């Protein structure tokens, strides 16, 4: 079956893969020698590099024929989503949502892109994986990949946000569980720790999705000659999805904030109840303590000092005083 094609990546230093598209949905892999020998007349070329590899950096600066300022931006560590147009080319920086298959953890993976009429160069760090690009390359190897430069850029934009919906569904489920735990007064410490984790994830995602929305908007309205109307339409749909995801994130953030306030209110109520109990206990023991203090004063004239049953009489007075004080505090609604 075509799906069983072995996908080889990272065979050569700095080069994850290089695919020469046939504009029919398929591709042919190239190595560094093939990349250096490529000319625009050979067809559309997609090169995927490791941004922090010296070999890739040297090729991009010296042999790629990319604008020097654009090459510097592609190799920069700063990865805030943005778009810059240079003549008929685009410099694009996006962030992809990737889910680690082994650990299930989610990470925001930066991807830097240089797109021009006959070539697209993408870069990511060595220690990051991006399943979205792997899926596109698999589609190319099976003859079902993008056929145009604009189509490839649109597919990359689609794929890097496709895991976001699943991530938001997971966050929404977590917030729902936390709300139920809050109503049932489940262990507050664990609930607060889980809530803090959810809030950090929503803040992190919101931080990058806002600029990414603006970047995608700029791409779909760019006048590059190789961006077809179909590609712009797909980019608009991706942008609409990102906008909906941002709205969902804002709603999750508001729910998490309300839940945090509810938990804080519950803690304050518990503290107030405990304080009231200690105050009531102190009020109950204050009169007996006063009596004991007076009778225990080391001065002459203490009544009952010569009476053998005086101690039991004092105990009886205190025992009678406590229920009376209890009723008084109940009447005053201290208890």
C-alpha atoms as a PDB file:
ATOM      1  CA  UNK A   1       0.000   0.000   0.000  1.00  0.00           C
ATOM      2  CA  UNK A   2       1.265   3.548  -0.673  1.00  0.00           C
ATOM      3  CA  UNK A   3       0.856   4.522   2.982  1.00  0.00           C
ATOM      4  CA  UNK A   4       3.592   2.084   3.905  1.00  0.00           C
ATOM      5  CA  UNK A   5       6.263   4.283   2.283  1.00  0.00           C
ATOM      6  CA  UNK A   6       9.230   4.670   4.613  1.00  0.00           C
ATOM      7  CA  UNK A   7       9.631   8.314   5.611  1.00  0.00           C
ATOM      8  CA  UNK A   8      13.270   9.154   6.156  1.00  0.00           C
ATOM      9  CA  UNK A   9      14.165  12.424   7.855  1.00  0.00           C
ATOM     10  CA  UNK A  10      17.338  13.926   9.197  1.00  0.00           C
ATOM     11  CA  UNK A  11      19.594  11.616   7.165  1.00  0.00           C
ATOM     12  CA  UNK A  12      21.930  14.504   6.318  1.00  0.00           C
ATOM     13  CA  UNK A  13      23.101  17.229   8.732  1.00  0.00           C
ATOM     14  CA  UNK A  14      20.630  20.086   9.042  1.00  0.00           C
ATOM     15  CA  UNK A  15      18.316  18.742   6.316  1.00  0.00           C
ATOM     16  CA  UNK A  16      15.153  17.119   7.601  1.00  0.00           C
ATOM     17  CA  UNK A  17      13.981  16.523   4.042  1.00  0.00           C
ATOM     18  CA  UNK A  18      13.760  18.151   0.629  1.00  0.00           C
ATOM     19  CA  UNK A  19      10.807  17.334  -1.635  1.00  0.00           C
ATOM     20  CA  UNK A  20      10.587  18.268  -5.320  1.00  0.00           C
ATOM     21  CA  UNK A  21       6.854  18.515  -5.992  1.00  0.00           C
ATOM     22  CA  UNK A  22       5.509  17.289  -9.319  1.00  0.00           C
ATOM     23  CA  UNK A  23       2.437  19.587  -9.049  1.00  0.00           C
ATOM     24  CA  UNK A  24       0.219  16.484  -9.316  1.00  0.00           C
ATOM     25  CA  UNK A  25       0.140  15.669  -5.596  1.00  0.00           C
ATOM     26  CA  UNK A  26       3.402  13.714  -5.470  1.00  0.00           C
ATOM     27  CA  UNK A  27       7.052  14.478  -4.884  1.00  0.00           C
ATOM     28  CA  UNK A  28      10.613  13.201  -5.203  1.00  0.00           C
ATOM     29  CA  UNK A  29      13.117  13.404  -2.341  1.00  0.00           C
ATOM     30  CA  UNK A  30      16.404  15.277  -2.770  1.00  0.00           C
ATOM     31  CA  UNK A  31      19.591  15.366  -0.708  1.00  0.00           C
ATOM     32  CA  UNK A  32      21.931  18.314  -0.124  1.00  0.00           C
ATOM     33  CA  UNK A  33      23.532  17.779  -3.528  1.00  0.00           C
ATOM     34  CA  UNK A  34      20.140  17.828  -5.203  1.00  0.00           C
ATOM     35  CA  UNK A  35      19.136  20.952  -3.267  1.00  0.00           C
ATOM     36  CA  UNK A  36      22.288  22.754  -4.387  1.00  0.00           C
ATOM     37  CA  UNK A  37      21.769  21.676  -7.997  1.00  0.00           C
ATOM     38  CA  UNK A  38      18.088  22.664  -8.059  1.00  0.00           C
ATOM     39  CA  UNK A  39      16.921  25.449 -10.381  1.00  0.00           C
ATOM     40  CA  UNK A  40      13.424  26.989 -10.593  1.00  0.00           C
ATOM     41  CA  UNK A  41      12.907  25.313 -13.968  1.00  0.00           C
ATOM     42  CA  UNK A  42      13.134  21.893 -12.264  1.00  0.00           C
ATOM     43  CA  UNK A  43       9.860  22.406 -10.381  1.00  0.00           C
ATOM     44  CA  UNK A  44       8.588  23.540  -7.014  1.00  0.00           C
ATOM     45  CA  UNK A  45      10.926  22.634  -4.121  1.00  0.00           C
ATOM     46  CA  UNK A  46      10.056  22.300  -0.429  1.00  0.00           C
ATOM     47  CA  UNK A  47      13.066  22.283   1.889  1.00  0.00           C
ATOM     48  CA  UNK A  48      12.656  21.562   5.593  1.00  0.00           C
ATOM     49  CA  UNK A  49      15.680  22.441   7.749  1.00  0.00           C
ATOM     50  CA  UNK A  50      16.815  22.351  11.360  1.00  0.00           C
ATOM     51  CA  UNK A  51      17.066  25.996  12.347  1.00  0.00           C
ATOM     52  CA  UNK A  52      19.775  25.532  14.965  1.00  0.00           C
ATOM     53  CA  UNK A  53      22.040  23.310  12.854  1.00  0.00           C
ATOM     54  CA  UNK A  54      25.296  24.950  11.590  1.00  0.00           C
ATOM     55  CA  UNK A  55      25.093  23.240   8.173  1.00  0.00           C
ATOM     56  CA  UNK A  56      21.565  24.482   7.551  1.00  0.00           C
ATOM     57  CA  UNK A  57      22.433  27.972   8.789  1.00  0.00           C
ATOM     58  CA  UNK A  58      25.508  28.156   6.532  1.00  0.00           C
ATOM     59  CA  UNK A  59      23.519  27.055   3.475  1.00  0.00           C
ATOM     60  CA  UNK A  60      20.718  29.524   4.200  1.00  0.00           C
ATOM     61  CA  UNK A  61      23.142  32.430   4.597  1.00  0.00           C
ATOM     62  CA  UNK A  62      25.467  31.641   1.721  1.00  0.00           C
ATOM     63  CA  UNK A  63      23.884  29.387  -0.934  1.00  0.00           C
ATOM     64  CA  UNK A  64      20.126  29.727  -0.680  1.00  0.00           C
ATOM     65  CA  UNK A  65      19.863  33.051  -2.566  1.00  0.00           C
ATOM     66  CA  UNK A  66      17.437  34.215   0.139  1.00  0.00           C
ATOM     67  CA  UNK A  67      17.474  37.899   1.046  1.00  0.00           C
ATOM     68  CA  UNK A  68      20.149  38.357   3.774  1.00  0.00           C
ATOM     69  CA  UNK A  69      17.772  40.131   6.161  1.00  0.00           C
ATOM     70  CA  UNK A  70      15.158  37.444   5.605  1.00  0.00           C
ATOM     71  CA  UNK A  71      17.763  34.726   6.239  1.00  0.00           C
ATOM     72  CA  UNK A  72      18.711  36.454   9.477  1.00  0.00           C
ATOM     73  CA  UNK A  73      15.053  36.532  10.537  1.00  0.00           C
ATOM     74  CA  UNK A  74      14.581  32.859   9.623  1.00  0.00           C
ATOM     75  CA  UNK A  75      17.493  31.865  11.856  1.00  0.00           C
ATOM     76  CA  UNK A  76      16.506  34.132  14.759  1.00  0.00           C
ATOM     77  CA  UNK A  77      15.379  32.569  18.015  1.00  0.00           C
ATOM     78  CA  UNK A  78      12.489  35.008  18.312  1.00  0.00           C
ATOM     79  CA  UNK A  79       9.394  33.102  17.198  1.00  0.00           C
ATOM     80  CA  UNK A  80       6.453  35.411  17.733  1.00  0.00           C
ATOM     81  CA  UNK A  81       3.968  34.820  14.864  1.00  0.00           C
ATOM     82  CA  UNK A  82       4.290  37.450  12.136  1.00  0.00           C
ATOM     83  CA  UNK A  83       4.355  37.952   8.367  1.00  0.00           C
ATOM     84  CA  UNK A  84       6.618  40.136   6.228  1.00  0.00           C
ATOM     85  CA  UNK A  85       6.447  40.469   2.448  1.00  0.00           C
ATOM     86  CA  UNK A  86       9.679  40.867   0.458  1.00  0.00           C
ATOM     87  CA  UNK A  87       8.959  41.570  -3.222  1.00  0.00           C
ATOM     88  CA  UNK A  88       6.984  38.496  -4.372  1.00  0.00           C
ATOM     89  CA  UNK A  89       8.044  36.380  -1.379  1.00  0.00           C
ATOM     90  CA  UNK A  90       6.714  35.964   2.143  1.00  0.00           C
ATOM     91  CA  UNK A  91       8.518  35.576   5.456  1.00  0.00           C
ATOM     92  CA  UNK A  92       6.130  33.752   7.795  1.00  0.00           C
ATOM     93  CA  UNK A  93       6.609  32.827  11.451  1.00  0.00           C
ATOM     94  CA  UNK A  94       3.905  30.627  12.977  1.00  0.00           C
ATOM     95  CA  UNK A  95       3.426  28.448  16.032  1.00  0.00           C
ATOM     96  CA  UNK A  96       2.083  24.931  15.722  1.00  0.00           C
ATOM     97  CA  UNK A  97       0.316  22.928  18.405  1.00  0.00           C
ATOM     98  CA  UNK A  98       1.923  19.516  18.703  1.00  0.00           C
ATOM     99  CA  UNK A  99       0.924  16.589  20.935  1.00  0.00           C
ATOM    100  CA  UNK A 100       3.719  14.201  21.888  1.00  0.00           C
ATOM    101  CA  UNK A 101       2.582  10.670  21.010  1.00  0.00           C
ATOM    102  CA  UNK A 102       4.571   9.086  23.844  1.00  0.00           C
ATOM    103  CA  UNK A 103       3.854  11.452  26.740  1.00  0.00           C
ATOM    104  CA  UNK A 104       0.644  13.146  25.589  1.00  0.00           C
ATOM    105  CA  UNK A 105       2.081  16.548  26.515  1.00  0.00           C
ATOM    106  CA  UNK A 106       1.264  19.590  24.405  1.00  0.00           C
ATOM    107  CA  UNK A 107       3.850  22.058  23.156  1.00  0.00           C
ATOM    108  CA  UNK A 108       3.873  25.152  20.974  1.00  0.00           C
ATOM    109  CA  UNK A 109       6.395  24.488  18.207  1.00  0.00           C
ATOM    110  CA  UNK A 110       7.740  27.474  16.243  1.00  0.00           C
ATOM    111  CA  UNK A 111       8.073  27.133  12.476  1.00  0.00           C
ATOM    112  CA  UNK A 112       9.799  29.725  10.268  1.00  0.00           C
ATOM    113  CA  UNK A 113       8.867  29.817   6.571  1.00  0.00           C
ATOM    114  CA  UNK A 114      10.281  31.503   3.485  1.00  0.00           C
ATOM    115  CA  UNK A 115       7.818  31.144   0.591  1.00  0.00           C
ATOM    116  CA  UNK A 116       8.407  32.221  -3.012  1.00  0.00           C
ATOM    117  CA  UNK A 117       6.928  31.246  -6.408  1.00  0.00           C
ATOM    118  CA  UNK A 118       9.112  28.168  -6.952  1.00  0.00           C
ATOM    119  CA  UNK A 119      10.355  27.261  -3.474  1.00  0.00           C
ATOM    120  CA  UNK A 120       9.324  27.035   0.140  1.00  0.00           C
ATOM    121  CA  UNK A 121      11.861  26.782   2.967  1.00  0.00           C
ATOM    122  CA  UNK A 122      10.657  25.809   6.438  1.00  0.00           C
ATOM    123  CA  UNK A 123      12.724  25.589   9.603  1.00  0.00           C
ATOM    124  CA  UNK A 124      12.186  24.185  13.092  1.00  0.00           C
ATOM    125  CA  UNK A 125      14.498  23.441  16.026  1.00  0.00           C
ATOM    126  CA  UNK A 126      16.211  20.068  16.405  1.00  0.00           C
ATOM    127  CA  UNK A 127      14.598  19.244  19.737  1.00  0.00           C
ATOM    128  CA  UNK A 128      11.034  19.851  18.506  1.00  0.00           C
ATOM    129  CA  UNK A 129       8.732  17.634  16.520  1.00  0.00           C
ATOM    130  CA  UNK A 130       5.844  18.826  14.373  1.00  0.00           C
ATOM    131  CA  UNK A 131       3.487  16.082  13.266  1.00  0.00           C
ATOM    132  CA  UNK A 132       1.696  18.483  10.908  1.00  0.00           C
ATOM    133  CA  UNK A 133       4.639  18.614   8.491  1.00  0.00           C
ATOM    134  CA  UNK A 134       5.090  14.865   8.683  1.00  0.00           C
ATOM    135  CA  UNK A 135       1.464  14.374   7.663  1.00  0.00           C
ATOM    136  CA  UNK A 136       1.864  16.696   4.659  1.00  0.00           C
ATOM    137  CA  UNK A 137       4.992  14.894   3.529  1.00  0.00           C
ATOM    138  CA  UNK A 138       3.258  11.538   3.906  1.00  0.00           C
ATOM    139  CA  UNK A 139       0.448  12.830   1.690  1.00  0.00           C
ATOM    140  CA  UNK A 140       3.008  13.906  -0.910  1.00  0.00           C
ATOM    141  CA  UNK A 141       4.730  10.539  -0.876  1.00  0.00           C
ATOM    142  CA  UNK A 142       1.386   8.830  -1.446  1.00  0.00           C
ATOM    143  CA  UNK A 143       0.436  11.204  -4.284  1.00  0.00           C
ATOM    144  CA  UNK A 144      -2.225  13.117  -2.341  1.00  0.00           C
ATOM    145  CA  UNK A 145      -0.290  16.219  -1.357  1.00  0.00           C
ATOM    146  CA  UNK A 146      -0.557  19.900  -2.325  1.00  0.00           C
ATOM    147  CA  UNK A 147      -0.070  20.819  -5.972  1.00  0.00           C
ATOM    148  CA  UNK A 148       0.761  24.540  -5.780  1.00  0.00           C
ATOM    149  CA  UNK A 149       2.982  26.795  -3.638  1.00  0.00           C
ATOM    150  CA  UNK A 150      -0.058  28.508  -2.178  1.00  0.00           C
ATOM    151  CA  UNK A 151      -1.692  25.163  -1.509  1.00  0.00           C
ATOM    152  CA  UNK A 152       1.375  23.967   0.398  1.00  0.00           C
ATOM    153  CA  UNK A 153       1.448  27.111   2.556  1.00  0.00           C
ATOM    154  CA  UNK A 154      -2.296  26.798   3.213  1.00  0.00           C
ATOM    155  CA  UNK A 155      -1.914  23.124   4.200  1.00  0.00           C
ATOM    156  CA  UNK A 156       0.903  23.969   6.599  1.00  0.00           C
ATOM    157  CA  UNK A 157      -1.295  26.634   8.208  1.00  0.00           C
ATOM    158  CA  UNK A 158      -4.188  24.139   8.455  1.00  0.00           C
ATOM    159  CA  UNK A 159      -2.143  21.311   9.884  1.00  0.00           C
ATOM    160  CA  UNK A 160      -0.319  23.274  12.564  1.00  0.00           C
ATOM    161  CA  UNK A 161      -3.602  24.272  14.207  1.00  0.00           C
ATOM    162  CA  UNK A 162      -5.518  21.011  13.725  1.00  0.00           C
ATOM    163  CA  UNK A 163      -4.530  19.702  17.176  1.00  0.00           C
ATOM    164  CA  UNK A 164      -5.750  22.899  18.804  1.00  0.00           C
ATOM    165  CA  UNK A 165      -9.400  21.852  18.749  1.00  0.00           C
ATOM    166  CA  UNK A 166      -8.599  18.595  20.545  1.00  0.00           C
ATOM    167  CA  UNK A 167      -6.503  20.504  23.065  1.00  0.00           C
ATOM    168  CA  UNK A 168      -9.314  22.971  23.749  1.00  0.00           C
ATOM    169  CA  UNK A 169     -11.793  20.116  24.168  1.00  0.00           C
ATOM    170  CA  UNK A 170      -9.461  18.592  26.746  1.00  0.00           C
ATOM    171  CA  UNK A 171      -9.119  21.910  28.591  1.00  0.00           C
ATOM    172  CA  UNK A 172     -12.895  22.370  28.588  1.00  0.00           C
ATOM    173  CA  UNK A 173     -13.357  18.894  30.069  1.00  0.00           C
ATOM    174  CA  UNK A 174     -10.811  19.708  32.769  1.00  0.00           C
ATOM    175  CA  UNK A 175     -12.571  22.962  33.656  1.00  0.00           C
ATOM    176  CA  UNK A 176     -15.909  21.111  33.801  1.00  0.00           C
ATOM    177  CA  UNK A 177     -14.446  18.522  36.182  1.00  0.00           C
ATOM    178  CA  UNK A 178     -12.956  21.271  38.340  1.00  0.00           C
ATOM    179  CA  UNK A 179     -16.328  23.022  38.525  1.00  0.00           C
ATOM    180  CA  UNK A 180     -17.961  19.782  39.682  1.00  0.00           C
ATOM    181  CA  UNK A 181     -15.201  19.233  42.252  1.00  0.00           C
ATOM    182  CA  UNK A 182     -15.713  22.766  43.519  1.00  0.00           C
ATOM    183  CA  UNK A 183     -19.436  22.159  44.008  1.00  0.00           C
ATOM    184  CA  UNK A 184     -18.746  18.890  45.803  1.00  0.00           C
ATOM    185  CA  UNK A 185     -16.026  20.485  47.989  1.00  0.00           C
ATOM    186  CA  UNK A 186     -13.366  18.030  46.834  1.00  0.00           C
ATOM    187  CA  UNK A 187      -9.803  18.440  48.166  1.00  0.00           C
ATOM    188  CA  UNK A 188      -9.055  22.128  47.636  1.00  0.00           C
ATOM    189  CA  UNK A 189      -5.280  21.838  47.295  1.00  0.00           C
ATOM    190  CA  UNK A 190      -5.453  19.383  44.396  1.00  0.00           C
ATOM    191  CA  UNK A 191      -8.219  21.348  42.721  1.00  0.00           C
ATOM    192  CA  UNK A 192      -6.245  24.583  42.931  1.00  0.00           C
ATOM    193  CA  UNK A 193      -3.147  22.898  41.487  1.00  0.00           C
ATOM    194  CA  UNK A 194      -5.122  21.546  38.518  1.00  0.00           C
ATOM    195  CA  UNK A 195      -6.824  24.889  38.033  1.00  0.00           C
ATOM    196  CA  UNK A 196      -3.476  26.693  38.018  1.00  0.00           C
ATOM    197  CA  UNK A 197      -2.217  24.304  35.325  1.00  0.00           C
ATOM    198  CA  UNK A 198      -5.288  24.947  33.154  1.00  0.00           C
ATOM    199  CA  UNK A 199      -4.943  28.711  33.549  1.00  0.00           C
ATOM    200  CA  UNK A 200      -1.266  28.584  32.555  1.00  0.00           C
ATOM    201  CA  UNK A 201      -2.110  26.602  29.418  1.00  0.00           C
ATOM    202  CA  UNK A 202      -4.875  28.992  28.371  1.00  0.00           C
ATOM    203  CA  UNK A 203      -2.635  32.021  28.904  1.00  0.00           C
ATOM    204  CA  UNK A 204       0.182  30.405  26.908  1.00  0.00           C
ATOM    205  CA  UNK A 205      -2.098  29.491  24.012  1.00  0.00           C
ATOM    206  CA  UNK A 206      -3.787  32.896  23.991  1.00  0.00           C
ATOM    207  CA  UNK A 207      -0.408  34.609  23.914  1.00  0.00           C
ATOM    208  CA  UNK A 208       0.488  33.054  20.560  1.00  0.00           C
ATOM    209  CA  UNK A 209      -2.905  32.650  18.917  1.00  0.00           C
ATOM    210  CA  UNK A 210      -3.599  36.394  18.918  1.00  0.00           C
ATOM    211  CA  UNK A 211      -0.542  37.269  16.776  1.00  0.00           C
ATOM    212  CA  UNK A 212      -1.100  34.110  14.700  1.00  0.00           C
ATOM    213  CA  UNK A 213      -4.587  35.298  13.820  1.00  0.00           C
ATOM    214  CA  UNK A 214      -3.132  38.601  12.600  1.00  0.00           C
ATOM    215  CA  UNK A 215      -0.406  36.796  10.640  1.00  0.00           C
ATOM    216  CA  UNK A 216      -2.886  34.539   8.836  1.00  0.00           C
ATOM    217  CA  UNK A 217      -5.058  37.546   8.065  1.00  0.00           C
ATOM    218  CA  UNK A 218      -2.097  39.270   6.430  1.00  0.00           C
ATOM    219  CA  UNK A 219      -1.239  36.202   4.336  1.00  0.00           C
ATOM    220  CA  UNK A 220      -4.742  35.811   2.944  1.00  0.00           C
ATOM    221  CA  UNK A 221      -4.782  39.480   1.906  1.00  0.00           C
ATOM    222  CA  UNK A 222      -1.285  39.521   0.431  1.00  0.00           C
ATOM    223  CA  UNK A 223      -0.945  40.201  -3.311  1.00  0.00           C
ATOM    224  CA  UNK A 224       1.789  37.620  -4.003  1.00  0.00           C
ATOM    225  CA  UNK A 225       1.401  36.291  -7.552  1.00  0.00           C
ATOM    226  CA  UNK A 226       1.686  32.642  -6.514  1.00  0.00           C
ATOM    227  CA  UNK A 227      -1.092  32.821  -3.899  1.00  0.00           C
ATOM    228  CA  UNK A 228      -4.160  31.544  -5.726  1.00  0.00           C
ATOM    229  CA  UNK A 229      -7.727  32.411  -4.806  1.00  0.00           C
ATOM    230  CA  UNK A 230      -8.242  28.844  -3.618  1.00  0.00           C
ATOM    231  CA  UNK A 231      -5.243  29.088  -1.285  1.00  0.00           C
ATOM    232  CA  UNK A 232      -6.489  32.406   0.085  1.00  0.00           C
ATOM    233  CA  UNK A 233      -9.916  30.874   0.683  1.00  0.00           C
ATOM    234  CA  UNK A 234      -8.361  27.997   2.642  1.00  0.00           C
ATOM    235  CA  UNK A 235      -6.266  30.470   4.616  1.00  0.00           C
ATOM    236  CA  UNK A 236      -9.402  32.439   5.438  1.00  0.00           C
ATOM    237  CA  UNK A 237     -11.047  29.282   6.765  1.00  0.00           C
ATOM    238  CA  UNK A 238      -7.965  28.595   8.898  1.00  0.00           C
ATOM    239  CA  UNK A 239      -8.086  32.157  10.192  1.00  0.00           C
ATOM    240  CA  UNK A 240     -11.782  31.758  11.057  1.00  0.00           C
ATOM    241  CA  UNK A 241     -10.933  28.601  13.011  1.00  0.00           C
ATOM    242  CA  UNK A 242      -8.206  30.408  14.907  1.00  0.00           C
ATOM    243  CA  UNK A 243     -10.629  33.221  15.759  1.00  0.00           C
ATOM    244  CA  UNK A 244     -13.154  30.691  17.103  1.00  0.00           C
ATOM    245  CA  UNK A 245     -10.414  29.006  19.105  1.00  0.00           C
ATOM    246  CA  UNK A 246      -9.417  32.372  20.592  1.00  0.00           C
ATOM    247  CA  UNK A 247     -13.038  32.981  21.596  1.00  0.00           C
ATOM    248  CA  UNK A 248     -13.165  29.525  23.189  1.00  0.00           C
ATOM    249  CA  UNK A 249      -9.920  30.270  25.041  1.00  0.00           C
ATOM    250  CA  UNK A 250     -11.331  33.550  26.323  1.00  0.00           C
ATOM    251  CA  UNK A 251     -14.430  31.718  27.548  1.00  0.00           C
ATOM    252  CA  UNK A 252     -12.271  29.080  29.251  1.00  0.00           C
ATOM    253  CA  UNK A 253     -10.153  31.772  30.852  1.00  0.00           C
ATOM    254  CA  UNK A 254     -13.268  33.513  32.205  1.00  0.00           C
ATOM    255  CA  UNK A 255     -14.627  30.220  33.578  1.00  0.00           C
ATOM    256  CA  UNK A 256     -11.270  29.463  35.189  1.00  0.00           C
ATOM    257  CA  UNK A 257     -11.192  32.952  36.722  1.00  0.00           C
ATOM    258  CA  UNK A 258     -14.699  32.548  38.155  1.00  0.00           C
ATOM    259  CA  UNK A 259     -13.764  29.117  39.484  1.00  0.00           C
ATOM    260  CA  UNK A 260     -10.642  30.566  41.099  1.00  0.00           C
ATOM    261  CA  UNK A 261     -12.741  33.256  42.758  1.00  0.00           C
ATOM    262  CA  UNK A 262     -15.206  30.612  44.002  1.00  0.00           C
ATOM    263  CA  UNK A 263     -12.385  28.547  45.484  1.00  0.00           C
ATOM    264  CA  UNK A 264     -10.934  31.645  47.143  1.00  0.00           C
ATOM    265  CA  UNK A 265     -14.369  32.466  48.567  1.00  0.00           C
ATOM    266  CA  UNK A 266     -14.710  28.910  49.906  1.00  0.00           C
ATOM    267  CA  UNK A 267     -11.329  29.153  51.581  1.00  0.00           C
ATOM    268  CA  UNK A 268     -12.252  32.524  53.096  1.00  0.00           C
ATOM    269  CA  UNK A 269     -15.518  31.070  54.386  1.00  0.00           C
ATOM    270  CA  UNK A 270     -13.699  28.152  55.989  1.00  0.00           C
ATOM    271  CA  UNK A 271     -11.240  30.499  57.630  1.00  0.00           C
ATOM    272  CA  UNK A 272     -14.102  32.660  58.879  1.00  0.00           C
ATOM    273  CA  UNK A 273     -15.934  29.626  60.295  1.00  0.00           C
ATOM    274  CA  UNK A 274     -12.792  28.431  62.060  1.00  0.00           C
ATOM    275  CA  UNK A 275     -12.145  31.909  63.439  1.00  0.00           C
ATOM    276  CA  UNK A 276     -15.722  32.137  64.698  1.00  0.00           C
ATOM    277  CA  UNK A 277     -15.390  28.793  66.423  1.00  0.00           C
ATOM    278  CA  UNK A 278     -12.183  29.790  68.150  1.00  0.00           C
ATOM    279  CA  UNK A 279     -13.740  33.126  69.137  1.00  0.00           C
ATOM    280  CA  UNK A 280     -16.825  31.380  70.548  1.00  0.00           C
ATOM    281  CA  UNK A 281     -14.643  28.923  72.458  1.00  0.00           C
ATOM    282  CA  UNK A 282     -12.633  31.807  73.896  1.00  0.00           C
ATOM    283  CA  UNK A 283     -15.886  33.587  74.875  1.00  0.00           C
ATOM    284  CA  UNK A 284     -17.171  30.428  76.597  1.00  0.00           C
ATOM    285  CA  UNK A 285     -13.978  29.991  78.595  1.00  0.00           C
ATOM    286  CA  UNK A 286     -13.501  33.648  79.483  1.00  0.00           C
ATOM    287  CA  UNK A 287     -15.874  33.836  82.524  1.00  0.00           C
ATOM    288  CA  UNK A 288     -14.609  30.541  84.062  1.00  0.00           C
ATOM    289  CA  UNK A 289     -11.051  31.749  83.470  1.00  0.00           C
ATOM    290  CA  UNK A 290     -11.900  35.025  85.206  1.00  0.00           C
ATOM    291  CA  UNK A 291     -13.367  33.179  88.196  1.00  0.00           C
ATOM    292  CA  UNK A 292     -10.390  30.856  88.388  1.00  0.00           C
ATOM    293  CA  UNK A 293      -8.026  33.805  88.158  1.00  0.00           C
ATOM    294  CA  UNK A 294      -9.751  35.677  90.967  1.00  0.00           C
ATOM    295  CA  UNK A 295      -9.904  32.636  93.244  1.00  0.00           C
ATOM    296  CA  UNK A 296      -6.305  31.817  92.504  1.00  0.00           C
ATOM    297  CA  UNK A 297      -4.988  35.238  93.476  1.00  0.00           C
ATOM    298  CA  UNK A 298      -2.332  34.969  96.162  1.00  0.00           C
ATOM    299  CA  UNK A 299      -3.970  37.507  98.507  1.00  0.00           C
ATOM    300  CA  UNK A 300      -5.950  37.245 101.698  1.00  0.00           C
ATOM    301  CA  UNK A 301      -9.745  37.303 101.939  1.00  0.00           C
ATOM    302  CA  UNK A 302     -10.528  34.705  99.261  1.00  0.00           C
ATOM    303  CA  UNK A 303     -14.078  33.514 100.071  1.00  0.00           C
ATOM    304  CA  UNK A 304     -14.509  29.840 100.827  1.00  0.00           C
ATOM    305  CA  UNK A 305     -10.890  29.233 101.674  1.00  0.00           C
ATOM    306  CA  UNK A 306     -11.948  27.563 104.933  1.00  0.00           C
ATOM    307  CA  UNK A 307     -14.971  25.786 103.463  1.00  0.00           C
ATOM    308  CA  UNK A 308     -14.215  22.122 102.533  1.00  0.00           C
ATOM    309  CA  UNK A 309     -16.949  22.075  99.813  1.00  0.00           C
ATOM    310  CA  UNK A 310     -16.152  25.505  98.305  1.00  0.00           C
ATOM    311  CA  UNK A 311     -14.278  23.938  95.377  1.00  0.00           C
ATOM    312  CA  UNK A 312     -17.306  21.858  94.397  1.00  0.00           C
ATOM    313  CA  UNK A 313     -19.532  24.905  94.713  1.00  0.00           C
ATOM    314  CA  UNK A 314     -17.292  26.821  92.288  1.00  0.00           C
ATOM    315  CA  UNK A 315     -17.394  23.880  89.868  1.00  0.00           C
ATOM    316  CA  UNK A 316     -21.184  23.889  90.046  1.00  0.00           C
ATOM    317  CA  UNK A 317     -21.295  27.641  89.316  1.00  0.00           C
ATOM    318  CA  UNK A 318     -19.001  27.220  86.306  1.00  0.00           C
ATOM    319  CA  UNK A 319     -21.029  24.234  85.031  1.00  0.00           C
ATOM    320  CA  UNK A 320     -24.205  26.299  85.299  1.00  0.00           C
ATOM    321  CA  UNK A 321     -22.537  29.308  83.621  1.00  0.00           C
ATOM    322  CA  UNK A 322     -21.389  27.442  80.503  1.00  0.00           C
ATOM    323  CA  UNK A 323     -24.872  26.446  79.176  1.00  0.00           C
ATOM    324  CA  UNK A 324     -26.091  29.970  79.866  1.00  0.00           C
ATOM    325  CA  UNK A 325     -23.183  31.408  77.868  1.00  0.00           C
ATOM    326  CA  UNK A 326     -23.801  28.887  75.101  1.00  0.00           C
ATOM    327  CA  UNK A 327     -27.443  29.972  74.802  1.00  0.00           C
ATOM    328  CA  UNK A 328     -26.401  33.613  74.793  1.00  0.00           C
ATOM    329  CA  UNK A 329     -23.883  33.081  71.944  1.00  0.00           C
ATOM    330  CA  UNK A 330     -26.494  31.154  69.969  1.00  0.00           C
ATOM    331  CA  UNK A 331     -28.934  33.988  70.438  1.00  0.00           C
ATOM    332  CA  UNK A 332     -26.318  36.454  69.225  1.00  0.00           C
ATOM    333  CA  UNK A 333     -25.666  34.105  66.214  1.00  0.00           C
ATOM    334  CA  UNK A 334     -22.012  33.669  67.023  1.00  0.00           C
ATOM    335  CA  UNK A 335     -22.505  29.914  66.845  1.00  0.00           C
END
